[in-house]
Amino acid sequence: MTETHHTISYVELNVRDLAAARAFYEQAFGWAFNDYGPDYAGIRAPSGEGEVGGLNAEREPSPGGPLVLLFSEDLDASVAAVEAAGGQVTEGPYDYPGGRRFHFTDPDGNGLGVYAH
């Protein structure tokens, strides 16, 4: 799966019960998952190569819905670009098992994330 700089690449669903959420999406839509411990499961791409999203039991579900993540080839430059455009970094950048990422809000308050490998 090819990733493109600054495009939507991943959608993360916050869940209260990882096992129950996995069971729901497996049964309802036939989704398959990659396990990353007791609090996270990656949603496999339909092709079987890569992932299109994840189920995250470390964060509470919120009325705003899933977290949309953009891919970046240069995370520090993306942080600077978000801030220069009037966005506000709300978390990070921080390391995670697959790389680094940060979260931000746009001028309307929409929360998104950006990650890099």
PDB file of N, CA and C in Angstrom:
ATOM      1  N   MET A   1       0.841  -1.168   0.000  1.00  0.00           N
ATOM      2  CA  MET A   1       0.000   0.000   0.000  1.00  0.00           C
ATOM      3  C   MET A   1       0.887   1.233   0.000  1.00  0.00           C
ATOM      4  N   THR A   2       0.730   2.098  -0.975  1.00  0.00           N
ATOM      5  CA  THR A   2       1.534   3.301  -1.088  1.00  0.00           C
ATOM      6  C   THR A   2       0.878   4.445  -0.335  1.00  0.00           C
ATOM      7  N   GLU A   3       1.692   5.166   0.431  1.00  0.00           N
ATOM      8  CA  GLU A   3       1.184   6.328   1.150  1.00  0.00           C
ATOM      9  C   GLU A   3       1.643   7.580   0.425  1.00  0.00           C
ATOM     10  N   THR A   4       0.792   8.584   0.445  1.00  0.00           N
ATOM     11  CA  THR A   4       1.083   9.838  -0.222  1.00  0.00           C
ATOM     12  C   THR A   4       1.118  10.958   0.807  1.00  0.00           C
ATOM     13  N   HIS A   5       2.136  11.791   0.726  1.00  0.00           N
ATOM     14  CA  HIS A   5       2.348  12.898   1.659  1.00  0.00           C
ATOM     15  C   HIS A   5       1.102  13.774   1.783  1.00  0.00           C
ATOM     16  N   HIS A   6       0.675  14.000   3.009  1.00  0.00           N
ATOM     17  CA  HIS A   6      -0.431  14.883   3.390  1.00  0.00           C
ATOM     18  C   HIS A   6      -1.791  14.462   2.827  1.00  0.00           C
ATOM     19  N   THR A   7      -2.008  13.147   2.670  1.00  0.00           N
ATOM     20  CA  THR A   7      -3.331  12.651   2.292  1.00  0.00           C
ATOM     21  C   THR A   7      -3.894  11.828   3.450  1.00  0.00           C
ATOM     22  N   ILE A   8      -5.213  11.679   3.467  1.00  0.00           N
ATOM     23  CA  ILE A   8      -5.836  10.838   4.490  1.00  0.00           C
ATOM     24  C   ILE A   8      -5.348   9.419   4.273  1.00  0.00           C
ATOM     25  N   SER A   9      -4.833   8.825   5.346  1.00  0.00           N
ATOM     26  CA  SER A   9      -4.200   7.526   5.230  1.00  0.00           C
ATOM     27  C   SER A   9      -4.759   6.502   6.205  1.00  0.00           C
ATOM     28  N   TYR A  10      -5.371   6.936   7.282  1.00  0.00           N
ATOM     29  CA  TYR A  10      -5.706   6.025   8.375  1.00  0.00           C
ATOM     30  C   TYR A  10      -6.836   6.632   9.192  1.00  0.00           C
ATOM     31  N   VAL A  11      -7.775   5.822   9.618  1.00  0.00           N
ATOM     32  CA  VAL A  11      -8.863   6.288  10.474  1.00  0.00           C
ATOM     33  C   VAL A  11      -8.850   5.441  11.737  1.00  0.00           C
ATOM     34  N   GLU A  12      -8.796   6.109  12.875  1.00  0.00           N
ATOM     35  CA  GLU A  12      -8.698   5.416  14.157  1.00  0.00           C
ATOM     36  C   GLU A  12     -10.001   5.566  14.931  1.00  0.00           C
ATOM     37  N   LEU A  13     -10.599   4.440  15.311  1.00  0.00           N
ATOM     38  CA  LEU A  13     -11.840   4.432  16.075  1.00  0.00           C
ATOM     39  C   LEU A  13     -11.516   4.172  17.539  1.00  0.00           C
ATOM     40  N   ASN A  14     -11.892   5.085  18.408  1.00  0.00           N
ATOM     41  CA  ASN A  14     -11.714   4.882  19.850  1.00  0.00           C
ATOM     42  C   ASN A  14     -12.841   3.982  20.345  1.00  0.00           C
ATOM     43  N   VAL A  15     -12.493   2.965  21.127  1.00  0.00           N
ATOM     44  CA  VAL A  15     -13.464   1.978  21.584  1.00  0.00           C
ATOM     45  C   VAL A  15     -13.304   1.746  23.087  1.00  0.00           C
ATOM     46  N   ARG A  16     -14.375   1.355  23.737  1.00  0.00           N
ATOM     47  CA  ARG A  16     -14.314   1.070  25.174  1.00  0.00           C
ATOM     48  C   ARG A  16     -13.858  -0.361  25.446  1.00  0.00           C
ATOM     49  N   ASP A  17     -14.234  -1.290  24.560  1.00  0.00           N
ATOM     50  CA  ASP A  17     -13.938  -2.709  24.753  1.00  0.00           C
ATOM     51  C   ASP A  17     -13.382  -3.239  23.435  1.00  0.00           C
ATOM     52  N   LEU A  18     -12.065  -3.461  23.389  1.00  0.00           N
ATOM     53  CA  LEU A  18     -11.414  -3.862  22.141  1.00  0.00           C
ATOM     54  C   LEU A  18     -11.962  -5.183  21.607  1.00  0.00           C
ATOM     55  N   ALA A  19     -12.118  -6.173  22.472  1.00  0.00           N
ATOM     56  CA  ALA A  19     -12.610  -7.475  22.019  1.00  0.00           C
ATOM     57  C   ALA A  19     -14.016  -7.371  21.436  1.00  0.00           C
ATOM     58  N   ALA A  20     -14.878  -6.619  22.088  1.00  0.00           N
ATOM     59  CA  ALA A  20     -16.247  -6.458  21.593  1.00  0.00           C
ATOM     60  C   ALA A  20     -16.265  -5.695  20.272  1.00  0.00           C
ATOM     61  N   ALA A  21     -15.430  -4.657  20.163  1.00  0.00           N
ATOM     62  CA  ALA A  21     -15.381  -3.885  18.915  1.00  0.00           C
ATOM     63  C   ALA A  21     -14.867  -4.752  17.764  1.00  0.00           C
ATOM     64  N   ARG A  22     -13.809  -5.526  18.025  1.00  0.00           N
ATOM     65  CA  ARG A  22     -13.285  -6.431  16.994  1.00  0.00           C
ATOM     66  C   ARG A  22     -14.374  -7.392  16.537  1.00  0.00           C
ATOM     67  N   ALA A  23     -15.053  -7.996  17.500  1.00  0.00           N
ATOM     68  CA  ALA A  23     -16.103  -8.964  17.167  1.00  0.00           C
ATOM     69  C   ALA A  23     -17.194  -8.319  16.319  1.00  0.00           C
ATOM     70  N   PHE A  24     -17.585  -7.094  16.672  1.00  0.00           N
ATOM     71  CA  PHE A  24     -18.608  -6.391  15.900  1.00  0.00           C
ATOM     72  C   PHE A  24     -18.170  -6.189  14.454  1.00  0.00           C
ATOM     73  N   TYR A  25     -16.989  -5.613  14.248  1.00  0.00           N
ATOM     74  CA  TYR A  25     -16.540  -5.300  12.892  1.00  0.00           C
ATOM     75  C   TYR A  25     -16.193  -6.555  12.086  1.00  0.00           C
ATOM     76  N   GLU A  26     -15.721  -7.597  12.753  1.00  0.00           N
ATOM     77  CA  GLU A  26     -15.489  -8.868  12.062  1.00  0.00           C
ATOM     78  C   GLU A  26     -16.810  -9.446  11.555  1.00  0.00           C
ATOM     79  N   GLN A  27     -17.814  -9.450  12.435  1.00  0.00           N
ATOM     80  CA  GLN A  27     -19.106 -10.028  12.069  1.00  0.00           C
ATOM     81  C   GLN A  27     -19.866  -9.157  11.077  1.00  0.00           C
ATOM     82  N   ALA A  28     -19.904  -7.859  11.320  1.00  0.00           N
ATOM     83  CA  ALA A  28     -20.710  -6.968  10.478  1.00  0.00           C
ATOM     84  C   ALA A  28     -20.118  -6.772   9.091  1.00  0.00           C
ATOM     85  N   PHE A  29     -18.781  -6.643   9.006  1.00  0.00           N
ATOM     86  CA  PHE A  29     -18.157  -6.264   7.736  1.00  0.00           C
ATOM     87  C   PHE A  29     -17.055  -7.201   7.255  1.00  0.00           C
ATOM     88  N   GLY A  30     -16.739  -8.221   8.045  1.00  0.00           N
ATOM     89  CA  GLY A  30     -15.689  -9.151   7.643  1.00  0.00           C
ATOM     90  C   GLY A  30     -14.281  -8.596   7.764  1.00  0.00           C
ATOM     91  N   TRP A  31     -14.103  -7.545   8.577  1.00  0.00           N
ATOM     92  CA  TRP A  31     -12.779  -6.945   8.730  1.00  0.00           C
ATOM     93  C   TRP A  31     -11.822  -7.916   9.408  1.00  0.00           C
ATOM     94  N   ALA A  32     -10.539  -7.815   9.060  1.00  0.00           N
ATOM     95  CA  ALA A  32      -9.470  -8.580   9.701  1.00  0.00           C
ATOM     96  C   ALA A  32      -8.556  -7.587  10.415  1.00  0.00           C
ATOM     97  N   PHE A  33      -7.848  -8.072  11.428  1.00  0.00           N
ATOM     98  CA  PHE A  33      -7.070  -7.176  12.287  1.00  0.00           C
ATOM     99  C   PHE A  33      -5.650  -7.672  12.510  1.00  0.00           C
ATOM    100  N   ASN A  34      -4.761  -6.740  12.797  1.00  0.00           N
ATOM    101  CA  ASN A  34      -3.413  -7.015  13.290  1.00  0.00           C
ATOM    102  C   ASN A  34      -3.404  -6.626  14.758  1.00  0.00           C
ATOM    103  N   ASP A  35      -2.948  -7.533  15.617  1.00  0.00           N
ATOM    104  CA  ASP A  35      -2.931  -7.268  17.059  1.00  0.00           C
ATOM    105  C   ASP A  35      -1.664  -6.540  17.472  1.00  0.00           C
ATOM    106  N   TYR A  36      -1.827  -5.516  18.319  1.00  0.00           N
ATOM    107  CA  TYR A  36      -0.715  -4.748  18.868  1.00  0.00           C
ATOM    108  C   TYR A  36      -0.842  -4.649  20.383  1.00  0.00           C
ATOM    109  N   GLY A  37      -1.221  -5.722  21.029  1.00  0.00           N
ATOM    110  CA  GLY A  37      -1.368  -5.715  22.474  1.00  0.00           C
ATOM    111  C   GLY A  37      -2.821  -5.620  22.887  1.00  0.00           C
ATOM    112  N   PRO A  38      -3.059  -5.447  24.188  1.00  0.00           N
ATOM    113  CA  PRO A  38      -4.423  -5.497  24.712  1.00  0.00           C
ATOM    114  C   PRO A  38      -5.268  -4.262  24.410  1.00  0.00           C
ATOM    115  N   ASP A  39      -4.654  -3.179  23.929  1.00  0.00           N
ATOM    116  CA  ASP A  39      -5.400  -1.936  23.751  1.00  0.00           C
ATOM    117  C   ASP A  39      -5.468  -1.433  22.312  1.00  0.00           C
ATOM    118  N   TYR A  40      -4.928  -2.198  21.358  1.00  0.00           N
ATOM    119  CA  TYR A  40      -4.924  -1.689  19.980  1.00  0.00           C
ATOM    120  C   TYR A  40      -4.959  -2.835  18.975  1.00  0.00           C
ATOM    121  N   ALA A  41      -5.748  -2.648  17.926  1.00  0.00           N
ATOM    122  CA  ALA A  41      -5.792  -3.586  16.806  1.00  0.00           C
ATOM    123  C   ALA A  41      -5.845  -2.784  15.514  1.00  0.00           C
ATOM    124  N   GLY A  42      -4.944  -3.078  14.585  1.00  0.00           N
ATOM    125  CA  GLY A  42      -4.948  -2.418  13.279  1.00  0.00           C
ATOM    126  C   GLY A  42      -5.961  -3.075  12.359  1.00  0.00           C
ATOM    127  N   ILE A  43      -6.675  -2.271  11.585  1.00  0.00           N
ATOM    128  CA  ILE A  43      -7.648  -2.779  10.616  1.00  0.00           C
ATOM    129  C   ILE A  43      -6.903  -3.046   9.316  1.00  0.00           C
ATOM    130  N   ARG A  44      -6.825  -4.306   8.915  1.00  0.00           N
ATOM    131  CA  ARG A  44      -6.100  -4.662   7.694  1.00  0.00           C
ATOM    132  C   ARG A  44      -6.803  -4.092   6.457  1.00  0.00           C
ATOM    133  N   ALA A  45      -6.002  -3.667   5.508  1.00  0.00           N
ATOM    134  CA  ALA A  45      -6.535  -3.217   4.217  1.00  0.00           C
ATOM    135  C   ALA A  45      -7.199  -4.408   3.521  1.00  0.00           C
ATOM    136  N   PRO A  46      -8.214  -4.164   2.707  1.00  0.00           N
ATOM    137  CA  PRO A  46      -8.875  -5.264   2.008  1.00  0.00           C
ATOM    138  C   PRO A  46      -7.916  -6.119   1.181  1.00  0.00           C
ATOM    139  N   SER A  47      -6.848  -5.516   0.679  1.00  0.00           N
ATOM    140  CA  SER A  47      -5.877  -6.261  -0.116  1.00  0.00           C
ATOM    141  C   SER A  47      -5.036  -7.207   0.731  1.00  0.00           C
ATOM    142  N   GLY A  48      -5.060  -7.001   2.061  1.00  0.00           N
ATOM    143  CA  GLY A  48      -4.226  -7.788   2.954  1.00  0.00           C
ATOM    144  C   GLY A  48      -2.863  -7.164   3.184  1.00  0.00           C
ATOM    145  N   GLU A  49      -2.542  -6.126   2.427  1.00  0.00           N
ATOM    146  CA  GLU A  49      -1.258  -5.435   2.569  1.00  0.00           C
ATOM    147  C   GLU A  49      -1.475  -4.085   3.235  1.00  0.00           C
ATOM    148  N   GLY A  50      -0.895  -3.899   4.399  1.00  0.00           N
ATOM    149  CA  GLY A  50      -1.023  -2.633   5.107  1.00  0.00           C
ATOM    150  C   GLY A  50      -2.309  -2.552   5.915  1.00  0.00           C
ATOM    151  N   GLU A  51      -2.535  -1.370   6.449  1.00  0.00           N
ATOM    152  CA  GLU A  51      -3.709  -1.115   7.268  1.00  0.00           C
ATOM    153  C   GLU A  51      -4.388   0.174   6.830  1.00  0.00           C
ATOM    154  N   VAL A  52      -5.690   0.250   7.064  1.00  0.00           N
ATOM    155  CA  VAL A  52      -6.464   1.444   6.733  1.00  0.00           C
ATOM    156  C   VAL A  52      -6.970   2.160   7.975  1.00  0.00           C
ATOM    157  N   GLY A  53      -6.786   1.537   9.136  1.00  0.00           N
ATOM    158  CA  GLY A  53      -7.266   2.143  10.361  1.00  0.00           C
ATOM    159  C   GLY A  53      -6.940   1.288  11.557  1.00  0.00           C
ATOM    160  N   GLY A  54      -7.520   1.683  12.693  1.00  0.00           N
ATOM    161  CA  GLY A  54      -7.266   0.939  13.913  1.00  0.00           C
ATOM    162  C   GLY A  54      -8.371   1.132  14.929  1.00  0.00           C
ATOM    163  N   LEU A  55      -8.422   0.200  15.883  1.00  0.00           N
ATOM    164  CA  LEU A  55      -9.309   0.288  17.029  1.00  0.00           C
ATOM    165  C   LEU A  55      -8.430   0.586  18.231  1.00  0.00           C
ATOM    166  N   ASN A  56      -8.710   1.690  18.923  1.00  0.00           N
ATOM    167  CA  ASN A  56      -7.869   2.150  20.019  1.00  0.00           C
ATOM    168  C   ASN A  56      -8.662   2.161  21.318  1.00  0.00           C
ATOM    169  N   ALA A  57      -8.308   1.252  22.248  1.00  0.00           N
ATOM    170  CA  ALA A  57      -9.000   1.183  23.533  1.00  0.00           C
ATOM    171  C   ALA A  57      -8.324   2.045  24.592  1.00  0.00           C
ATOM    172  N   GLU A  58      -7.303   2.802  24.216  1.00  0.00           N
ATOM    173  CA  GLU A  58      -6.620   3.685  25.165  1.00  0.00           C
ATOM    174  C   GLU A  58      -7.275   5.066  25.242  1.00  0.00           C
ATOM    175  N   ARG A  59      -8.152   5.373  24.310  1.00  0.00           N
ATOM    176  CA  ARG A  59      -8.829   6.669  24.287  1.00  0.00           C
ATOM    177  C   ARG A  59     -10.335   6.439  24.331  1.00  0.00           C
ATOM    178  N   GLU A  60     -11.031   7.329  24.996  1.00  0.00           N
ATOM    179  CA  GLU A  60     -12.485   7.258  25.111  1.00  0.00           C
ATOM    180  C   GLU A  60     -13.128   7.669  23.792  1.00  0.00           C
ATOM    181  N   PRO A  61     -14.178   6.950  23.350  1.00  0.00           N
ATOM    182  CA  PRO A  61     -14.925   7.419  22.189  1.00  0.00           C
ATOM    183  C   PRO A  61     -15.456   8.832  22.460  1.00  0.00           C
ATOM    184  N   SER A  62     -15.547   9.629  21.413  1.00  0.00           N
ATOM    185  CA  SER A  62     -16.004  11.005  21.599  1.00  0.00           C
ATOM    186  C   SER A  62     -17.058  11.352  20.564  1.00  0.00           C
ATOM    187  N   PRO A  63     -17.846  12.389  20.850  1.00  0.00           N
ATOM    188  CA  PRO A  63     -18.889  12.793  19.906  1.00  0.00           C
ATOM    189  C   PRO A  63     -18.338  13.182  18.543  1.00  0.00           C
ATOM    190  N   GLY A  64     -17.083  13.598  18.482  1.00  0.00           N
ATOM    191  CA  GLY A  64     -16.476  13.986  17.208  1.00  0.00           C
ATOM    192  C   GLY A  64     -16.207  12.823  16.283  1.00  0.00           C
ATOM    193  N   GLY A  65     -16.305  11.611  16.791  1.00  0.00           N
ATOM    194  CA  GLY A  65     -16.129  10.430  15.967  1.00  0.00           C
ATOM    195  C   GLY A  65     -14.688   9.997  15.826  1.00  0.00           C
ATOM    196  N   PRO A  66     -14.379   9.265  14.764  1.00  0.00           N
ATOM    197  CA  PRO A  66     -13.055   8.696  14.595  1.00  0.00           C
ATOM    198  C   PRO A  66     -11.983   9.759  14.362  1.00  0.00           C
ATOM    199  N   LEU A  67     -10.758   9.368  14.655  1.00  0.00           N
ATOM    200  CA  LEU A  67      -9.618  10.241  14.416  1.00  0.00           C
ATOM    201  C   LEU A  67      -9.091   9.979  13.012  1.00  0.00           C
ATOM    202  N   VAL A  68      -9.095  10.989  12.169  1.00  0.00           N
ATOM    203  CA  VAL A  68      -8.554  10.884  10.819  1.00  0.00           C
ATOM    204  C   VAL A  68      -7.067  11.216  10.890  1.00  0.00           C
ATOM    205  N   LEU A  69      -6.247  10.342  10.303  1.00  0.00           N
ATOM    206  CA  LEU A  69      -4.797  10.533  10.316  1.00  0.00           C
ATOM    207  C   LEU A  69      -4.270  10.741   8.908  1.00  0.00           C
ATOM    208  N   LEU A  70      -3.396  11.730   8.772  1.00  0.00           N
ATOM    209  CA  LEU A  70      -2.716  12.000   7.510  1.00  0.00           C
ATOM    210  C   LEU A  70      -1.304  11.445   7.600  1.00  0.00           C
ATOM    211  N   PHE A  71      -0.762  11.017   6.485  1.00  0.00           N
ATOM    212  CA  PHE A  71       0.625  10.544   6.428  1.00  0.00           C
ATOM    213  C   PHE A  71       1.534  11.716   6.089  1.00  0.00           C
ATOM    214  N   SER A  72       2.720  11.736   6.665  1.00  0.00           N
ATOM    215  CA  SER A  72       3.699  12.784   6.366  1.00  0.00           C
ATOM    216  C   SER A  72       5.058  12.169   6.100  1.00  0.00           C
ATOM    217  N   GLU A  73       5.738  12.692   5.106  1.00  0.00           N
ATOM    218  CA  GLU A  73       7.118  12.287   4.837  1.00  0.00           C
ATOM    219  C   GLU A  73       8.088  13.036   5.742  1.00  0.00           C
ATOM    220  N   ASP A  74       7.646  14.146   6.341  1.00  0.00           N
ATOM    221  CA  ASP A  74       8.499  14.962   7.212  1.00  0.00           C
ATOM    222  C   ASP A  74       7.625  15.537   8.322  1.00  0.00           C
ATOM    223  N   LEU A  75       7.562  14.835   9.444  1.00  0.00           N
ATOM    224  CA  LEU A  75       6.639  15.200  10.517  1.00  0.00           C
ATOM    225  C   LEU A  75       6.912  16.589  11.082  1.00  0.00           C
ATOM    226  N   ASP A  76       8.175  16.930  11.284  1.00  0.00           N
ATOM    227  CA  ASP A  76       8.489  18.243  11.845  1.00  0.00           C
ATOM    228  C   ASP A  76       8.050  19.370  10.911  1.00  0.00           C
ATOM    229  N   ALA A  77       8.216  19.158   9.611  1.00  0.00           N
ATOM    230  CA  ALA A  77       7.753  20.162   8.653  1.00  0.00           C
ATOM    231  C   ALA A  77       6.231  20.262   8.661  1.00  0.00           C
ATOM    232  N   SER A  78       5.553  19.145   8.873  1.00  0.00           N
ATOM    233  CA  SER A  78       4.085  19.163   8.939  1.00  0.00           C
ATOM    234  C   SER A  78       3.603  19.910  10.175  1.00  0.00           C
ATOM    235  N   VAL A  79       4.290  19.729  11.312  1.00  0.00           N
ATOM    236  CA  VAL A  79       3.960  20.488  12.519  1.00  0.00           C
ATOM    237  C   VAL A  79       4.054  21.979  12.224  1.00  0.00           C
ATOM    238  N   ALA A  80       5.160  22.377  11.619  1.00  0.00           N
ATOM    239  CA  ALA A  80       5.375  23.795  11.301  1.00  0.00           C
ATOM    240  C   ALA A  80       4.298  24.308  10.337  1.00  0.00           C
ATOM    241  N   ALA A  81       3.931  23.494   9.358  1.00  0.00           N
ATOM    242  CA  ALA A  81       2.925  23.909   8.378  1.00  0.00           C
ATOM    243  C   ALA A  81       1.559  24.080   9.025  1.00  0.00           C
ATOM    244  N   VAL A  82       1.194  23.171   9.934  1.00  0.00           N
ATOM    245  CA  VAL A  82      -0.085  23.270  10.639  1.00  0.00           C
ATOM    246  C   VAL A  82      -0.131  24.554  11.454  1.00  0.00           C
ATOM    247  N   GLU A  83       0.936  24.819  12.206  1.00  0.00           N
ATOM    248  CA  GLU A  83       0.973  26.019  13.041  1.00  0.00           C
ATOM    249  C   GLU A  83       0.970  27.291  12.189  1.00  0.00           C
ATOM    250  N   ALA A  84       1.710  27.290  11.093  1.00  0.00           N
ATOM    251  CA  ALA A  84       1.764  28.465  10.224  1.00  0.00           C
ATOM    252  C   ALA A  84       0.417  28.751   9.566  1.00  0.00           C
ATOM    253  N   ALA A  85      -0.376  27.693   9.347  1.00  0.00           N
ATOM    254  CA  ALA A  85      -1.684  27.860   8.708  1.00  0.00           C
ATOM    255  C   ALA A  85      -2.780  28.223   9.701  1.00  0.00           C
ATOM    256  N   GLY A  86      -2.446  28.286  11.001  1.00  0.00           N
ATOM    257  CA  GLY A  86      -3.442  28.669  11.992  1.00  0.00           C
ATOM    258  C   GLY A  86      -4.022  27.519  12.783  1.00  0.00           C
ATOM    259  N   GLY A  87      -3.480  26.315  12.596  1.00  0.00           N
ATOM    260  CA  GLY A  87      -3.918  25.176  13.393  1.00  0.00           C
ATOM    261  C   GLY A  87      -3.211  25.178  14.737  1.00  0.00           C
ATOM    262  N   GLN A  88      -3.712  24.361  15.655  1.00  0.00           N
ATOM    263  CA  GLN A  88      -3.113  24.281  16.988  1.00  0.00           C
ATOM    264  C   GLN A  88      -2.738  22.840  17.287  1.00  0.00           C
ATOM    265  N   VAL A  89      -1.455  22.605  17.554  1.00  0.00           N
ATOM    266  CA  VAL A  89      -1.000  21.272  17.948  1.00  0.00           C
ATOM    267  C   VAL A  89      -1.514  20.997  19.359  1.00  0.00           C
ATOM    268  N   THR A  90      -2.211  19.877  19.533  1.00  0.00           N
ATOM    269  CA  THR A  90      -2.802  19.538  20.829  1.00  0.00           C
ATOM    270  C   THR A  90      -2.086  18.389  21.533  1.00  0.00           C
ATOM    271  N   GLU A  91      -1.318  17.590  20.792  1.00  0.00           N
ATOM    272  CA  GLU A  91      -0.523  16.499  21.365  1.00  0.00           C
ATOM    273  C   GLU A  91       0.702  16.277  20.506  1.00  0.00           C
ATOM    274  N   GLY A  92       1.829  16.048  21.178  1.00  0.00           N
ATOM    275  CA  GLY A  92       3.038  15.634  20.480  1.00  0.00           C
ATOM    276  C   GLY A  92       3.797  16.759  19.837  1.00  0.00           C
ATOM    277  N   PRO A  93       4.672  16.352  18.932  1.00  0.00           N
ATOM    278  CA  PRO A  93       4.894  15.012  18.401  1.00  0.00           C
ATOM    279  C   PRO A  93       5.398  14.042  19.475  1.00  0.00           C
ATOM    280  N   TYR A  94       5.004  12.767  19.299  1.00  0.00           N
ATOM    281  CA  TYR A  94       5.426  11.725  20.225  1.00  0.00           C
ATOM    282  C   TYR A  94       5.713  10.445  19.451  1.00  0.00           C
ATOM    283  N   ASP A  95       6.522   9.592  20.063  1.00  0.00           N
ATOM    284  CA  ASP A  95       6.853   8.304  19.461  1.00  0.00           C
ATOM    285  C   ASP A  95       5.754   7.301  19.766  1.00  0.00           C
ATOM    286  N   TYR A  96       5.525   6.380  18.831  1.00  0.00           N
ATOM    287  CA  TYR A  96       4.654   5.226  19.042  1.00  0.00           C
ATOM    288  C   TYR A  96       5.319   4.062  18.314  1.00  0.00           C
ATOM    289  N   PRO A  97       4.845   2.811  18.484  1.00  0.00           N
ATOM    290  CA  PRO A  97       5.577   1.681  17.918  1.00  0.00           C
ATOM    291  C   PRO A  97       5.839   1.749  16.412  1.00  0.00           C
ATOM    292  N   GLY A  98       5.005   2.456  15.646  1.00  0.00           N
ATOM    293  CA  GLY A  98       5.202   2.529  14.205  1.00  0.00           C
ATOM    294  C   GLY A  98       5.934   3.761  13.719  1.00  0.00           C
ATOM    295  N   GLY A  99       6.285   4.684  14.609  1.00  0.00           N
ATOM    296  CA  GLY A  99       6.961   5.916  14.183  1.00  0.00           C
ATOM    297  C   GLY A  99       6.709   7.058  15.139  1.00  0.00           C
ATOM    298  N   ARG A 100       6.325   8.208  14.577  1.00  0.00           N
ATOM    299  CA  ARG A 100       6.010   9.402  15.383  1.00  0.00           C
ATOM    300  C   ARG A 100       4.719  10.005  14.857  1.00  0.00           C
ATOM    301  N   ARG A 101       4.023  10.743  15.739  1.00  0.00           N
ATOM    302  CA  ARG A 101       2.812  11.436  15.294  1.00  0.00           C
ATOM    303  C   ARG A 101       2.496  12.596  16.206  1.00  0.00           C
ATOM    304  N   PHE A 102       1.570  13.448  15.716  1.00  0.00           N
ATOM    305  CA  PHE A 102       1.037  14.545  16.527  1.00  0.00           C
ATOM    306  C   PHE A 102      -0.433  14.713  16.189  1.00  0.00           C
ATOM    307  N   HIS A 103      -1.152  15.378  17.088  1.00  0.00           N
ATOM    308  CA  HIS A 103      -2.566  15.690  16.876  1.00  0.00           C
ATOM    309  C   HIS A 103      -2.697  17.205  16.828  1.00  0.00           C
ATOM    310  N   PHE A 104      -3.693  17.668  16.094  1.00  0.00           N
ATOM    311  CA  PHE A 104      -3.928  19.110  15.994  1.00  0.00           C
ATOM    312  C   PHE A 104      -5.401  19.377  15.780  1.00  0.00           C
ATOM    313  N   THR A 105      -5.787  20.626  15.989  1.00  0.00           N
ATOM    314  CA  THR A 105      -7.120  21.068  15.603  1.00  0.00           C
ATOM    315  C   THR A 105      -6.975  22.115  14.510  1.00  0.00           C
ATOM    316  N   ASP A 106      -7.898  22.075  13.559  1.00  0.00           N
ATOM    317  CA  ASP A 106      -7.910  23.108  12.518  1.00  0.00           C
ATOM    318  C   ASP A 106      -8.614  24.342  13.084  1.00  0.00           C
ATOM    319  N   PRO A 107      -8.683  25.433  12.338  1.00  0.00           N
ATOM    320  CA  PRO A 107      -9.307  26.648  12.875  1.00  0.00           C
ATOM    321  C   PRO A 107     -10.778  26.480  13.277  1.00  0.00           C
ATOM    322  N   ASP A 108     -11.458  25.449  12.745  1.00  0.00           N
ATOM    323  CA  ASP A 108     -12.847  25.199  13.125  1.00  0.00           C
ATOM    324  C   ASP A 108     -12.970  24.254  14.303  1.00  0.00           C
ATOM    325  N   GLY A 109     -11.845  23.764  14.815  1.00  0.00           N
ATOM    326  CA  GLY A 109     -11.869  22.870  15.960  1.00  0.00           C
ATOM    327  C   GLY A 109     -11.893  21.392  15.633  1.00  0.00           C
ATOM    328  N   ASN A 110     -11.823  21.028  14.345  1.00  0.00           N
ATOM    329  CA  ASN A 110     -11.777  19.611  13.974  1.00  0.00           C
ATOM    330  C   ASN A 110     -10.429  19.027  14.373  1.00  0.00           C
ATOM    331  N   GLY A 111     -10.448  17.884  15.045  1.00  0.00           N
ATOM    332  CA  GLY A 111      -9.224  17.232  15.461  1.00  0.00           C
ATOM    333  C   GLY A 111      -8.761  16.190  14.464  1.00  0.00           C
ATOM    334  N   LEU A 112      -7.499  16.260  14.083  1.00  0.00           N
ATOM    335  CA  LEU A 112      -6.888  15.286  13.190  1.00  0.00           C
ATOM    336  C   LEU A 112      -5.514  14.930  13.724  1.00  0.00           C
ATOM    337  N   GLY A 113      -4.896  13.931  13.131  1.00  0.00           N
ATOM    338  CA  GLY A 113      -3.546  13.550  13.490  1.00  0.00           C
ATOM    339  C   GLY A 113      -2.697  13.405  12.246  1.00  0.00           C
ATOM    340  N   VAL A 114      -1.386  13.488  12.436  1.00  0.00           N
ATOM    341  CA  VAL A 114      -0.426  13.285  11.340  1.00  0.00           C
ATOM    342  C   VAL A 114       0.636  12.339  11.872  1.00  0.00           C
ATOM    343  N   TYR A 115       1.011  11.348  11.036  1.00  0.00           N
ATOM    344  CA  TYR A 115       2.036  10.411  11.471  1.00  0.00           C
ATOM    345  C   TYR A 115       3.100  10.218  10.394  1.00  0.00           C
ATOM    346  N   ALA A 116       4.256   9.730  10.820  1.00  0.00           N
ATOM    347  CA  ALA A 116       5.349   9.384   9.922  1.00  0.00           C
ATOM    348  C   ALA A 116       5.981   8.103  10.428  1.00  0.00           C
ATOM    349  N   HIS A 117       6.551   7.341   9.512  1.00  0.00           N
ATOM    350  CA  HIS A 117       7.248   6.100   9.896  1.00  0.00           C
ATOM    351  C   HIS A 117       8.635   6.421  10.375  1.00  0.00           C
TER     352      HIS A 117
END
